[in-house]
Amino acid sequence: MSNDFLLVGSFLDSTWTEVLISALSPIGQLDTVLESNFSEQIHRKRYSLIIVDASGSRDIIGLVAALRQELPHIPIVIVTASPTWQRARQVFLAGATDYVRKSLNTEKILKTFQTILATAR
C-alpha cells in the first residue's frame, strides 16, 4: 500500500530529511513544505500522515493546533532531536498523535512509522 506523507518544517534541506525520504520510500512518497507555507500544501493530496520537524519551529504548539484544525483525522507526528516530557505533553494537548526522536537509522525510522500508521487506522 502506498501512502503520501507530508513533512512540515523550518529547515528541510538537511541530511535527516534525505534519510527520512529514503526510509519511507518502501511504503510511500514524502512531500516537504516549509512551515510558513503549509496551509497552501496540505489540501493538495490526501496525506496518510503529517510529520512535523520540531527543529527550528518558532511555535510548534500553534503549528500542531493549526494542522489539527485543518486535518482533524490525519495523524500528526512530531519528530525532534531532543525530546522532553514538557514539550511532548504540550504537543499532545495541541493534537499530535505521536512524538518521536529523530534517527538516522532508516530501518528504525521505517519500523516506527509503520507502527504509527498501523495504530492510527
PDB file of N, CA and C in Angstrom:
ATOM      1  N   MET A   1       0.839  -1.183   0.000  1.00  0.00           N
ATOM      2  CA  MET A   1       0.000   0.000   0.000  1.00  0.00           C
ATOM      3  C   MET A   1       0.881   1.242   0.000  1.00  0.00           C
ATOM      4  N   SER A   2       0.588   2.154  -0.886  1.00  0.00           N
ATOM      5  CA  SER A   2       1.386   3.369  -0.980  1.00  0.00           C
ATOM      6  C   SER A   2       0.706   4.499  -0.220  1.00  0.00           C
ATOM      7  N   ASN A   3       1.488   5.233   0.503  1.00  0.00           N
ATOM      8  CA  ASN A   3       0.999   6.343   1.310  1.00  0.00           C
ATOM      9  C   ASN A   3       1.634   7.635   0.825  1.00  0.00           C
ATOM     10  N   ASP A   4       0.944   8.728   1.075  1.00  0.00           N
ATOM     11  CA  ASP A   4       1.517  10.049   0.862  1.00  0.00           C
ATOM     12  C   ASP A   4       1.747  10.661   2.230  1.00  0.00           C
ATOM     13  N   PHE A   5       2.984  11.074   2.450  1.00  0.00           N
ATOM     14  CA  PHE A   5       3.372  11.699   3.712  1.00  0.00           C
ATOM     15  C   PHE A   5       3.753  13.142   3.435  1.00  0.00           C
ATOM     16  N   LEU A   6       3.542  14.007   4.425  1.00  0.00           N
ATOM     17  CA  LEU A   6       3.959  15.404   4.304  1.00  0.00           C
ATOM     18  C   LEU A   6       4.844  15.743   5.486  1.00  0.00           C
ATOM     19  N   LEU A   7       6.029  16.246   5.180  1.00  0.00           N
ATOM     20  CA  LEU A   7       6.956  16.735   6.205  1.00  0.00           C
ATOM     21  C   LEU A   7       6.860  18.250   6.237  1.00  0.00           C
ATOM     22  N   VAL A   8       6.537  18.792   7.396  1.00  0.00           N
ATOM     23  CA  VAL A   8       6.437  20.232   7.603  1.00  0.00           C
ATOM     24  C   VAL A   8       7.581  20.633   8.520  1.00  0.00           C
ATOM     25  N   GLY A   9       8.354  21.634   8.114  1.00  0.00           N
ATOM     26  CA  GLY A   9       9.466  22.065   8.950  1.00  0.00           C
ATOM     27  C   GLY A   9      10.028  23.401   8.538  1.00  0.00           C
ATOM     28  N   SER A  10      10.962  23.875   9.331  1.00  0.00           N
ATOM     29  CA  SER A  10      11.621  25.152   9.053  1.00  0.00           C
ATOM     30  C   SER A  10      12.887  24.976   8.229  1.00  0.00           C
ATOM     31  N   PHE A  11      13.545  23.824   8.399  1.00  0.00           N
ATOM     32  CA  PHE A  11      14.788  23.527   7.689  1.00  0.00           C
ATOM     33  C   PHE A  11      14.635  22.174   7.000  1.00  0.00           C
ATOM     34  N   LEU A  12      14.336  22.183   5.721  1.00  0.00           N
ATOM     35  CA  LEU A  12      14.052  20.926   5.031  1.00  0.00           C
ATOM     36  C   LEU A  12      15.220  20.414   4.204  1.00  0.00           C
ATOM     37  N   ASP A  13      16.268  21.190   4.092  1.00  0.00           N
ATOM     38  CA  ASP A  13      17.432  20.776   3.291  1.00  0.00           C
ATOM     39  C   ASP A  13      18.514  20.180   4.188  1.00  0.00           C
ATOM     40  N   SER A  14      18.091  19.182   4.970  1.00  0.00           N
ATOM     41  CA  SER A  14      19.020  18.577   5.919  1.00  0.00           C
ATOM     42  C   SER A  14      19.269  17.115   5.563  1.00  0.00           C
ATOM     43  N   THR A  15      20.316  16.581   6.134  1.00  0.00           N
ATOM     44  CA  THR A  15      20.615  15.158   5.961  1.00  0.00           C
ATOM     45  C   THR A  15      19.459  14.322   6.484  1.00  0.00           C
ATOM     46  N   TRP A  16      18.871  14.717   7.598  1.00  0.00           N
ATOM     47  CA  TRP A  16      17.779  13.951   8.179  1.00  0.00           C
ATOM     48  C   TRP A  16      16.588  13.872   7.224  1.00  0.00           C
ATOM     49  N   THR A  17      16.283  14.950   6.516  1.00  0.00           N
ATOM     50  CA  THR A  17      15.186  14.924   5.547  1.00  0.00           C
ATOM     51  C   THR A  17      15.469  13.900   4.455  1.00  0.00           C
ATOM     52  N   GLU A  18      16.698  13.867   3.971  1.00  0.00           N
ATOM     53  CA  GLU A  18      17.079  12.890   2.943  1.00  0.00           C
ATOM     54  C   GLU A  18      16.956  11.456   3.476  1.00  0.00           C
ATOM     55  N   VAL A  19      17.384  11.243   4.707  1.00  0.00           N
ATOM     56  CA  VAL A  19      17.271   9.919   5.332  1.00  0.00           C
ATOM     57  C   VAL A  19      15.794   9.539   5.480  1.00  0.00           C
ATOM     58  N   LEU A  20      14.962  10.477   5.884  1.00  0.00           N
ATOM     59  CA  LEU A  20      13.536  10.209   6.050  1.00  0.00           C
ATOM     60  C   LEU A  20      12.891   9.838   4.713  1.00  0.00           C
ATOM     61  N   ILE A  21      13.215  10.563   3.666  1.00  0.00           N
ATOM     62  CA  ILE A  21      12.686  10.254   2.333  1.00  0.00           C
ATOM     63  C   ILE A  21      13.068   8.831   1.938  1.00  0.00           C
ATOM     64  N   SER A  22      14.331   8.486   2.141  1.00  0.00           N
ATOM     65  CA  SER A  22      14.821   7.151   1.808  1.00  0.00           C
ATOM     66  C   SER A  22      14.143   6.078   2.661  1.00  0.00           C
ATOM     67  N   ALA A  23      14.011   6.334   3.946  1.00  0.00           N
ATOM     68  CA  ALA A  23      13.432   5.352   4.869  1.00  0.00           C
ATOM     69  C   ALA A  23      11.971   5.065   4.551  1.00  0.00           C
ATOM     70  N   LEU A  24      11.228   6.079   4.160  1.00  0.00           N
ATOM     71  CA  LEU A  24       9.797   5.906   3.921  1.00  0.00           C
ATOM     72  C   LEU A  24       9.469   5.477   2.498  1.00  0.00           C
ATOM     73  N   SER A  25      10.447   5.495   1.609  1.00  0.00           N
ATOM     74  CA  SER A  25      10.185   5.174   0.201  1.00  0.00           C
ATOM     75  C   SER A  25       9.565   3.785  -0.030  1.00  0.00           C
ATOM     76  N   PRO A  26       9.860   2.760   0.784  1.00  0.00           N
ATOM     77  CA  PRO A  26       9.200   1.470   0.553  1.00  0.00           C
ATOM     78  C   PRO A  26       7.685   1.487   0.802  1.00  0.00           C
ATOM     79  N   ILE A  27       7.214   2.448   1.577  1.00  0.00           N
ATOM     80  CA  ILE A  27       5.787   2.461   1.909  1.00  0.00           C
ATOM     81  C   ILE A  27       5.055   3.698   1.396  1.00  0.00           C
ATOM     82  N   GLY A  28       5.769   4.612   0.745  1.00  0.00           N
ATOM     83  CA  GLY A  28       5.081   5.789   0.237  1.00  0.00           C
ATOM     84  C   GLY A  28       6.021   6.885  -0.210  1.00  0.00           C
ATOM     85  N   GLN A  29       5.415   8.020  -0.529  1.00  0.00           N
ATOM     86  CA  GLN A  29       6.155   9.185  -1.011  1.00  0.00           C
ATOM     87  C   GLN A  29       6.068  10.301   0.017  1.00  0.00           C
ATOM     88  N   LEU A  30       7.201  10.955   0.235  1.00  0.00           N
ATOM     89  CA  LEU A  30       7.255  12.063   1.183  1.00  0.00           C
ATOM     90  C   LEU A  30       7.351  13.377   0.429  1.00  0.00           C
ATOM     91  N   ASP A  31       6.391  14.264   0.667  1.00  0.00           N
ATOM     92  CA  ASP A  31       6.450  15.633   0.173  1.00  0.00           C
ATOM     93  C   ASP A  31       6.952  16.493   1.323  1.00  0.00           C
ATOM     94  N   THR A  32       7.569  17.605   1.001  1.00  0.00           N
ATOM     95  CA  THR A  32       8.053  18.521   2.029  1.00  0.00           C
ATOM     96  C   THR A  32       7.487  19.910   1.788  1.00  0.00           C
ATOM     97  N   VAL A  33       7.265  20.625   2.863  1.00  0.00           N
ATOM     98  CA  VAL A  33       6.792  22.002   2.768  1.00  0.00           C
ATOM     99  C   VAL A  33       7.327  22.778   3.970  1.00  0.00           C
ATOM    100  N   LEU A  34       7.715  24.010   3.703  1.00  0.00           N
ATOM    101  CA  LEU A  34       8.171  24.864   4.792  1.00  0.00           C
ATOM    102  C   LEU A  34       7.003  25.191   5.718  1.00  0.00           C
ATOM    103  N   GLU A  35       7.315  25.300   6.976  1.00  0.00           N
ATOM    104  CA  GLU A  35       6.306  25.603   7.986  1.00  0.00           C
ATOM    105  C   GLU A  35       5.493  26.837   7.606  1.00  0.00           C
ATOM    106  N   SER A  36       6.142  27.832   7.047  1.00  0.00           N
ATOM    107  CA  SER A  36       5.467  29.083   6.703  1.00  0.00           C
ATOM    108  C   SER A  36       4.482  28.927   5.539  1.00  0.00           C
ATOM    109  N   ASN A  37       4.583  27.831   4.767  1.00  0.00           N
ATOM    110  CA  ASN A  37       3.724  27.636   3.597  1.00  0.00           C
ATOM    111  C   ASN A  37       2.809  26.414   3.707  1.00  0.00           C
ATOM    112  N   PHE A  38       2.683  25.813   4.894  1.00  0.00           N
ATOM    113  CA  PHE A  38       1.978  24.541   4.999  1.00  0.00           C
ATOM    114  C   PHE A  38       0.522  24.634   4.564  1.00  0.00           C
ATOM    115  N   SER A  39      -0.131  25.742   4.825  1.00  0.00           N
ATOM    116  CA  SER A  39      -1.563  25.831   4.517  1.00  0.00           C
ATOM    117  C   SER A  39      -1.837  25.741   3.021  1.00  0.00           C
ATOM    118  N   GLU A  40      -0.856  26.102   2.193  1.00  0.00           N
ATOM    119  CA  GLU A  40      -1.019  26.001   0.745  1.00  0.00           C
ATOM    120  C   GLU A  40      -0.900  24.552   0.268  1.00  0.00           C
ATOM    121  N   GLN A  41      -0.178  23.706   1.004  1.00  0.00           N
ATOM    122  CA  GLN A  41       0.140  22.358   0.564  1.00  0.00           C
ATOM    123  C   GLN A  41      -0.800  21.282   1.112  1.00  0.00           C
ATOM    124  N   ILE A  42      -1.330  21.475   2.298  1.00  0.00           N
ATOM    125  CA  ILE A  42      -1.978  20.362   2.993  1.00  0.00           C
ATOM    126  C   ILE A  42      -3.233  19.823   2.330  1.00  0.00           C
ATOM    127  N   HIS A  43      -3.856  20.579   1.453  1.00  0.00           N
ATOM    128  CA  HIS A  43      -5.066  20.100   0.800  1.00  0.00           C
ATOM    129  C   HIS A  43      -4.834  19.653  -0.639  1.00  0.00           C
ATOM    130  N   ARG A  44      -3.585  19.615  -1.081  1.00  0.00           N
ATOM    131  CA  ARG A  44      -3.284  19.207  -2.458  1.00  0.00           C
ATOM    132  C   ARG A  44      -3.364  17.701  -2.654  1.00  0.00           C
ATOM    133  N   LYS A  45      -3.154  16.949  -1.601  1.00  0.00           N
ATOM    134  CA  LYS A  45      -3.226  15.492  -1.639  1.00  0.00           C
ATOM    135  C   LYS A  45      -3.950  15.013  -0.391  1.00  0.00           C
ATOM    136  N   ARG A  46      -4.330  13.763  -0.428  1.00  0.00           N
ATOM    137  CA  ARG A  46      -4.886  13.143   0.782  1.00  0.00           C
ATOM    138  C   ARG A  46      -3.722  12.444   1.481  1.00  0.00           C
ATOM    139  N   TYR A  47      -3.161  13.101   2.456  1.00  0.00           N
ATOM    140  CA  TYR A  47      -2.000  12.571   3.159  1.00  0.00           C
ATOM    141  C   TYR A  47      -2.413  11.526   4.189  1.00  0.00           C
ATOM    142  N   SER A  48      -1.578  10.495   4.292  1.00  0.00           N
ATOM    143  CA  SER A  48      -1.787   9.446   5.290  1.00  0.00           C
ATOM    144  C   SER A  48      -1.272   9.873   6.648  1.00  0.00           C
ATOM    145  N   LEU A  49      -0.287  10.772   6.614  1.00  0.00           N
ATOM    146  CA  LEU A  49       0.411  11.155   7.840  1.00  0.00           C
ATOM    147  C   LEU A  49       1.099  12.496   7.627  1.00  0.00           C
ATOM    148  N   ILE A  50       1.037  13.342   8.640  1.00  0.00           N
ATOM    149  CA  ILE A  50       1.762  14.606   8.638  1.00  0.00           C
ATOM    150  C   ILE A  50       2.899  14.457   9.638  1.00  0.00           C
ATOM    151  N   ILE A  51       4.111  14.771   9.196  1.00  0.00           N
ATOM    152  CA  ILE A  51       5.287  14.711  10.066  1.00  0.00           C
ATOM    153  C   ILE A  51       5.759  16.140  10.266  1.00  0.00           C
ATOM    154  N   VAL A  52       5.910  16.544  11.502  1.00  0.00           N
ATOM    155  CA  VAL A  52       6.355  17.904  11.809  1.00  0.00           C
ATOM    156  C   VAL A  52       7.728  17.829  12.454  1.00  0.00           C
ATOM    157  N   ASP A  53       8.696  18.466  11.809  1.00  0.00           N
ATOM    158  CA  ASP A  53      10.049  18.545  12.361  1.00  0.00           C
ATOM    159  C   ASP A  53      10.078  19.722  13.320  1.00  0.00           C
ATOM    160  N   ALA A  54      10.250  19.426  14.601  1.00  0.00           N
ATOM    161  CA  ALA A  54      10.220  20.465  15.629  1.00  0.00           C
ATOM    162  C   ALA A  54      11.463  21.354  15.622  1.00  0.00           C
ATOM    163  N   SER A  55      12.515  20.929  14.948  1.00  0.00           N
ATOM    164  CA  SER A  55      13.759  21.709  14.908  1.00  0.00           C
ATOM    165  C   SER A  55      13.518  23.071  14.278  1.00  0.00           C
ATOM    166  N   GLY A  56      13.815  24.095  15.010  1.00  0.00           N
ATOM    167  CA  GLY A  56      13.725  25.448  14.486  1.00  0.00           C
ATOM    168  C   GLY A  56      12.333  26.039  14.445  1.00  0.00           C
ATOM    169  N   SER A  57      11.336  25.286  14.862  1.00  0.00           N
ATOM    170  CA  SER A  57       9.975  25.815  14.842  1.00  0.00           C
ATOM    171  C   SER A  57       9.826  26.893  15.907  1.00  0.00           C
ATOM    172  N   ARG A  58       9.262  27.994  15.511  1.00  0.00           N
ATOM    173  CA  ARG A  58       9.065  29.090  16.470  1.00  0.00           C
ATOM    174  C   ARG A  58       7.846  28.859  17.356  1.00  0.00           C
ATOM    175  N   ASP A  59       6.850  28.151  16.805  1.00  0.00           N
ATOM    176  CA  ASP A  59       5.618  27.913  17.552  1.00  0.00           C
ATOM    177  C   ASP A  59       5.078  26.531  17.218  1.00  0.00           C
ATOM    178  N   ILE A  60       5.722  25.509  17.737  1.00  0.00           N
ATOM    179  CA  ILE A  60       5.331  24.139  17.433  1.00  0.00           C
ATOM    180  C   ILE A  60       3.909  23.846  17.911  1.00  0.00           C
ATOM    181  N   ILE A  61       3.523  24.402  19.032  1.00  0.00           N
ATOM    182  CA  ILE A  61       2.187  24.174  19.575  1.00  0.00           C
ATOM    183  C   ILE A  61       1.133  24.794  18.658  1.00  0.00           C
ATOM    184  N   GLY A  62       1.371  26.007  18.220  1.00  0.00           N
ATOM    185  CA  GLY A  62       0.447  26.675  17.295  1.00  0.00           C
ATOM    186  C   GLY A  62       0.355  25.958  15.966  1.00  0.00           C
ATOM    187  N   LEU A  63       1.496  25.451  15.474  1.00  0.00           N
ATOM    188  CA  LEU A  63       1.517  24.718  14.218  1.00  0.00           C
ATOM    189  C   LEU A  63       0.701  23.433  14.323  1.00  0.00           C
ATOM    190  N   VAL A  64       0.906  22.685  15.392  1.00  0.00           N
ATOM    191  CA  VAL A  64       0.156  21.441  15.588  1.00  0.00           C
ATOM    192  C   VAL A  64      -1.337  21.743  15.702  1.00  0.00           C
ATOM    193  N   ALA A  65      -1.686  22.762  16.452  1.00  0.00           N
ATOM    194  CA  ALA A  65      -3.098  23.118  16.606  1.00  0.00           C
ATOM    195  C   ALA A  65      -3.725  23.508  15.260  1.00  0.00           C
ATOM    196  N   ALA A  66      -2.985  24.262  14.450  1.00  0.00           N
ATOM    197  CA  ALA A  66      -3.493  24.662  13.128  1.00  0.00           C
ATOM    198  C   ALA A  66      -3.653  23.453  12.215  1.00  0.00           C
ATOM    199  N   LEU A  67      -2.670  22.556  12.223  1.00  0.00           N
ATOM    200  CA  LEU A  67      -2.765  21.341  11.415  1.00  0.00           C
ATOM    201  C   LEU A  67      -3.941  20.477  11.868  1.00  0.00           C
ATOM    202  N   ARG A  68      -4.117  20.331  13.165  1.00  0.00           N
ATOM    203  CA  ARG A  68      -5.208  19.518  13.706  1.00  0.00           C
ATOM    204  C   ARG A  68      -6.555  20.106  13.301  1.00  0.00           C
ATOM    205  N   GLN A  69      -6.670  21.412  13.310  1.00  0.00           N
ATOM    206  CA  GLN A  69      -7.919  22.060  12.930  1.00  0.00           C
ATOM    207  C   GLN A  69      -8.209  21.843  11.442  1.00  0.00           C
ATOM    208  N   GLU A  70      -7.183  21.949  10.605  1.00  0.00           N
ATOM    209  CA  GLU A  70      -7.357  21.778   9.162  1.00  0.00           C
ATOM    210  C   GLU A  70      -7.569  20.318   8.763  1.00  0.00           C
ATOM    211  N   LEU A  71      -6.888  19.407   9.447  1.00  0.00           N
ATOM    212  CA  LEU A  71      -6.914  17.978   9.100  1.00  0.00           C
ATOM    213  C   LEU A  71      -7.227  17.152  10.349  1.00  0.00           C
ATOM    214  N   PRO A  72      -8.464  17.188  10.809  1.00  0.00           N
ATOM    215  CA  PRO A  72      -8.786  16.557  12.095  1.00  0.00           C
ATOM    216  C   PRO A  72      -8.591  15.047  12.157  1.00  0.00           C
ATOM    217  N   HIS A  73      -8.576  14.362  11.010  1.00  0.00           N
ATOM    218  CA  HIS A  73      -8.488  12.897  11.040  1.00  0.00           C
ATOM    219  C   HIS A  73      -7.144  12.346  10.590  1.00  0.00           C
ATOM    220  N   ILE A  74      -6.183  13.210  10.293  1.00  0.00           N
ATOM    221  CA  ILE A  74      -4.875  12.765   9.820  1.00  0.00           C
ATOM    222  C   ILE A  74      -3.898  12.725  11.004  1.00  0.00           C
ATOM    223  N   PRO A  75      -3.203  11.612  11.196  1.00  0.00           N
ATOM    224  CA  PRO A  75      -2.220  11.550  12.285  1.00  0.00           C
ATOM    225  C   PRO A  75      -1.109  12.587  12.085  1.00  0.00           C
ATOM    226  N   ILE A  76      -0.726  13.213  13.180  1.00  0.00           N
ATOM    227  CA  ILE A  76       0.352  14.205  13.177  1.00  0.00           C
ATOM    228  C   ILE A  76       1.446  13.693  14.107  1.00  0.00           C
ATOM    229  N   VAL A  77       2.638  13.504  13.547  1.00  0.00           N
ATOM    230  CA  VAL A  77       3.765  13.005  14.324  1.00  0.00           C
ATOM    231  C   VAL A  77       4.811  14.106  14.432  1.00  0.00           C
ATOM    232  N   ILE A  78       5.213  14.399  15.643  1.00  0.00           N
ATOM    233  CA  ILE A  78       6.260  15.384  15.887  1.00  0.00           C
ATOM    234  C   ILE A  78       7.578  14.630  16.020  1.00  0.00           C
ATOM    235  N   VAL A  79       8.591  15.086  15.288  1.00  0.00           N
ATOM    236  CA  VAL A  79       9.927  14.495  15.402  1.00  0.00           C
ATOM    237  C   VAL A  79      10.876  15.561  15.930  1.00  0.00           C
ATOM    238  N   THR A  80      11.755  15.134  16.807  1.00  0.00           N
ATOM    239  CA  THR A  80      12.683  16.072  17.435  1.00  0.00           C
ATOM    240  C   THR A  80      13.992  15.365  17.762  1.00  0.00           C
ATOM    241  N   ALA A  81      15.046  16.133  17.771  1.00  0.00           N
ATOM    242  CA  ALA A  81      16.354  15.596  18.139  1.00  0.00           C
ATOM    243  C   ALA A  81      16.518  15.562  19.657  1.00  0.00           C
ATOM    244  N   SER A  82      15.790  16.418  20.348  1.00  0.00           N
ATOM    245  CA  SER A  82      15.934  16.491  21.802  1.00  0.00           C
ATOM    246  C   SER A  82      14.564  16.515  22.484  1.00  0.00           C
ATOM    247  N   PRO A  83      13.966  15.333  22.641  1.00  0.00           N
ATOM    248  CA  PRO A  83      12.632  15.271  23.245  1.00  0.00           C
ATOM    249  C   PRO A  83      12.659  15.590  24.741  1.00  0.00           C
ATOM    250  N   THR A  84      11.608  16.244  25.173  1.00  0.00           N
ATOM    251  CA  THR A  84      11.415  16.484  26.612  1.00  0.00           C
ATOM    252  C   THR A  84       9.961  16.141  26.926  1.00  0.00           C
ATOM    253  N   TRP A  85       9.702  15.746  28.154  1.00  0.00           N
ATOM    254  CA  TRP A  85       8.330  15.390  28.517  1.00  0.00           C
ATOM    255  C   TRP A  85       7.434  16.617  28.505  1.00  0.00           C
ATOM    256  N   GLN A  86       7.992  17.803  28.805  1.00  0.00           N
ATOM    257  CA  GLN A  86       7.182  19.022  28.799  1.00  0.00           C
ATOM    258  C   GLN A  86       6.678  19.327  27.388  1.00  0.00           C
ATOM    259  N   ARG A  87       7.585  19.242  26.420  1.00  0.00           N
ATOM    260  CA  ARG A  87       7.195  19.515  25.038  1.00  0.00           C
ATOM    261  C   ARG A  87       6.240  18.425  24.542  1.00  0.00           C
ATOM    262  N   ALA A  88       6.509  17.178  24.901  1.00  0.00           N
ATOM    263  CA  ALA A  88       5.627  16.081  24.497  1.00  0.00           C
ATOM    264  C   ALA A  88       4.210  16.330  25.001  1.00  0.00           C
ATOM    265  N   ARG A  89       4.095  16.698  26.242  1.00  0.00           N
ATOM    266  CA  ARG A  89       2.775  16.977  26.829  1.00  0.00           C
ATOM    267  C   ARG A  89       2.085  18.097  26.069  1.00  0.00           C
ATOM    268  N   GLN A  90       2.820  19.162  25.770  1.00  0.00           N
ATOM    269  CA  GLN A  90       2.237  20.302  25.064  1.00  0.00           C
ATOM    270  C   GLN A  90       1.752  19.931  23.658  1.00  0.00           C
ATOM    271  N   VAL A  91       2.557  19.173  22.910  1.00  0.00           N
ATOM    272  CA  VAL A  91       2.142  18.828  21.542  1.00  0.00           C
ATOM    273  C   VAL A  91       0.978  17.834  21.547  1.00  0.00           C
ATOM    274  N   PHE A  92       0.936  16.939  22.534  1.00  0.00           N
ATOM    275  CA  PHE A  92      -0.201  16.032  22.625  1.00  0.00           C
ATOM    276  C   PHE A  92      -1.481  16.809  22.941  1.00  0.00           C
ATOM    277  N   LEU A  93      -1.394  17.765  23.834  1.00  0.00           N
ATOM    278  CA  LEU A  93      -2.563  18.591  24.155  1.00  0.00           C
ATOM    279  C   LEU A  93      -3.007  19.423  22.954  1.00  0.00           C
ATOM    280  N   ALA A  94      -2.064  19.794  22.080  1.00  0.00           N
ATOM    281  CA  ALA A  94      -2.389  20.567  20.877  1.00  0.00           C
ATOM    282  C   ALA A  94      -2.971  19.699  19.771  1.00  0.00           C
ATOM    283  N   GLY A  95      -2.832  18.364  19.897  1.00  0.00           N
ATOM    284  CA  GLY A  95      -3.440  17.483  18.915  1.00  0.00           C
ATOM    285  C   GLY A  95      -2.515  16.522  18.203  1.00  0.00           C
ATOM    286  N   ALA A  96      -1.262  16.436  18.615  1.00  0.00           N
ATOM    287  CA  ALA A  96      -0.339  15.488  17.987  1.00  0.00           C
ATOM    288  C   ALA A  96      -0.745  14.055  18.324  1.00  0.00           C
ATOM    289  N   THR A  97      -0.466  13.164  17.381  1.00  0.00           N
ATOM    290  CA  THR A  97      -0.757  11.753  17.554  1.00  0.00           C
ATOM    291  C   THR A  97       0.404  11.019  18.213  1.00  0.00           C
ATOM    292  N   ASP A  98       1.631  11.440  17.865  1.00  0.00           N
ATOM    293  CA  ASP A  98       2.821  10.792  18.400  1.00  0.00           C
ATOM    294  C   ASP A  98       3.962  11.791  18.448  1.00  0.00           C
ATOM    295  N   TYR A  99       4.991  11.428  19.201  1.00  0.00           N
ATOM    296  CA  TYR A  99       6.145  12.296  19.433  1.00  0.00           C
ATOM    297  C   TYR A  99       7.357  11.383  19.468  1.00  0.00           C
ATOM    298  N   VAL A 100       8.247  11.503  18.469  1.00  0.00           N
ATOM    299  CA  VAL A 100       9.363  10.574  18.370  1.00  0.00           C
ATOM    300  C   VAL A 100      10.697  11.290  18.211  1.00  0.00           C
ATOM    301  N   ARG A 101      11.730  10.570  18.608  1.00  0.00           N
ATOM    302  CA  ARG A 101      13.098  11.086  18.478  1.00  0.00           C
ATOM    303  C   ARG A 101      13.598  10.828  17.063  1.00  0.00           C
ATOM    304  N   LYS A 102      14.319  11.802  16.521  1.00  0.00           N
ATOM    305  CA  LYS A 102      14.922  11.637  15.198  1.00  0.00           C
ATOM    306  C   LYS A 102      15.972  10.529  15.245  1.00  0.00           C
ATOM    307  N   SER A 103      16.115   9.868  14.116  1.00  0.00           N
ATOM    308  CA  SER A 103      17.111   8.823  13.976  1.00  0.00           C
ATOM    309  C   SER A 103      17.659   8.888  12.566  1.00  0.00           C
ATOM    310  N   LEU A 104      18.883   8.435  12.387  1.00  0.00           N
ATOM    311  CA  LEU A 104      19.466   8.327  11.053  1.00  0.00           C
ATOM    312  C   LEU A 104      19.463   6.879  10.578  1.00  0.00           C
ATOM    313  N   ASN A 105      18.876   5.989  11.372  1.00  0.00           N
ATOM    314  CA  ASN A 105      18.768   4.575  11.041  1.00  0.00           C
ATOM    315  C   ASN A 105      17.489   4.367  10.230  1.00  0.00           C
ATOM    316  N   THR A 106      17.632   4.118   8.925  1.00  0.00           N
ATOM    317  CA  THR A 106      16.452   4.013   8.060  1.00  0.00           C
ATOM    318  C   THR A 106      15.527   2.867   8.460  1.00  0.00           C
ATOM    319  N   GLU A 107      16.077   1.754   8.905  1.00  0.00           N
ATOM    320  CA  GLU A 107      15.240   0.628   9.339  1.00  0.00           C
ATOM    321  C   GLU A 107      14.404   1.005  10.559  1.00  0.00           C
ATOM    322  N   LYS A 108      15.013   1.702  11.492  1.00  0.00           N
ATOM    323  CA  LYS A 108      14.293   2.131  12.695  1.00  0.00           C
ATOM    324  C   LYS A 108      13.201   3.138  12.334  1.00  0.00           C
ATOM    325  N   ILE A 109      13.510   4.073  11.450  1.00  0.00           N
ATOM    326  CA  ILE A 109      12.519   5.063  11.014  1.00  0.00           C
ATOM    327  C   ILE A 109      11.339   4.358  10.358  1.00  0.00           C
ATOM    328  N   LEU A 110      11.635   3.451   9.426  1.00  0.00           N
ATOM    329  CA  LEU A 110      10.577   2.738   8.719  1.00  0.00           C
ATOM    330  C   LEU A 110       9.689   1.973   9.688  1.00  0.00           C
ATOM    331  N   LYS A 111      10.286   1.249  10.598  1.00  0.00           N
ATOM    332  CA  LYS A 111       9.524   0.463  11.575  1.00  0.00           C
ATOM    333  C   LYS A 111       8.660   1.380  12.449  1.00  0.00           C
ATOM    334  N   THR A 112       9.221   2.491  12.907  1.00  0.00           N
ATOM    335  CA  THR A 112       8.481   3.438  13.744  1.00  0.00           C
ATOM    336  C   THR A 112       7.248   3.953  13.020  1.00  0.00           C
ATOM    337  N   PHE A 113       7.428   4.375  11.762  1.00  0.00           N
ATOM    338  CA  PHE A 113       6.300   4.950  11.029  1.00  0.00           C
ATOM    339  C   PHE A 113       5.304   3.888  10.572  1.00  0.00           C
ATOM    340  N   GLN A 114       5.746   2.676  10.326  1.00  0.00           N
ATOM    341  CA  GLN A 114       4.810   1.590  10.033  1.00  0.00           C
ATOM    342  C   GLN A 114       3.916   1.320  11.246  1.00  0.00           C
ATOM    343  N   THR A 115       4.512   1.336  12.417  1.00  0.00           N
ATOM    344  CA  THR A 115       3.752   1.122  13.651  1.00  0.00           C
ATOM    345  C   THR A 115       2.752   2.250  13.873  1.00  0.00           C
ATOM    346  N   ILE A 116       3.178   3.477  13.650  1.00  0.00           N
ATOM    347  CA  ILE A 116       2.287   4.626  13.819  1.00  0.00           C
ATOM    348  C   ILE A 116       1.111   4.530  12.847  1.00  0.00           C
ATOM    349  N   LEU A 117       1.401   4.202  11.594  1.00  0.00           N
ATOM    350  CA  LEU A 117       0.321   4.063  10.603  1.00  0.00           C
ATOM    351  C   LEU A 117      -0.654   2.950  10.981  1.00  0.00           C
ATOM    352  N   ALA A 118      -0.122   1.829  11.439  1.00  0.00           N
ATOM    353  CA  ALA A 118      -0.971   0.690  11.795  1.00  0.00           C
ATOM    354  C   ALA A 118      -1.899   1.014  12.965  1.00  0.00           C
ATOM    355  N   THR A 119      -1.399   1.749  13.936  1.00  0.00           N
ATOM    356  CA  THR A 119      -2.218   2.079  15.105  1.00  0.00           C
ATOM    357  C   THR A 119      -3.169   3.236  14.827  1.00  0.00           C
ATOM    358  N   ALA A 120      -2.861   4.044  13.818  1.00  0.00           N
ATOM    359  CA  ALA A 120      -3.714   5.200  13.508  1.00  0.00           C
ATOM    360  C   ALA A 120      -4.936   4.812  12.677  1.00  0.00           C
ATOM    361  N   ARG A 121      -4.921   3.655  12.084  1.00  0.00           N
ATOM    362  CA  ARG A 121      -6.039   3.251  11.202  1.00  0.00           C
ATOM    363  C   ARG A 121      -7.161   2.630  11.965  1.00  0.00           C
TER     364      ARG A 121
END
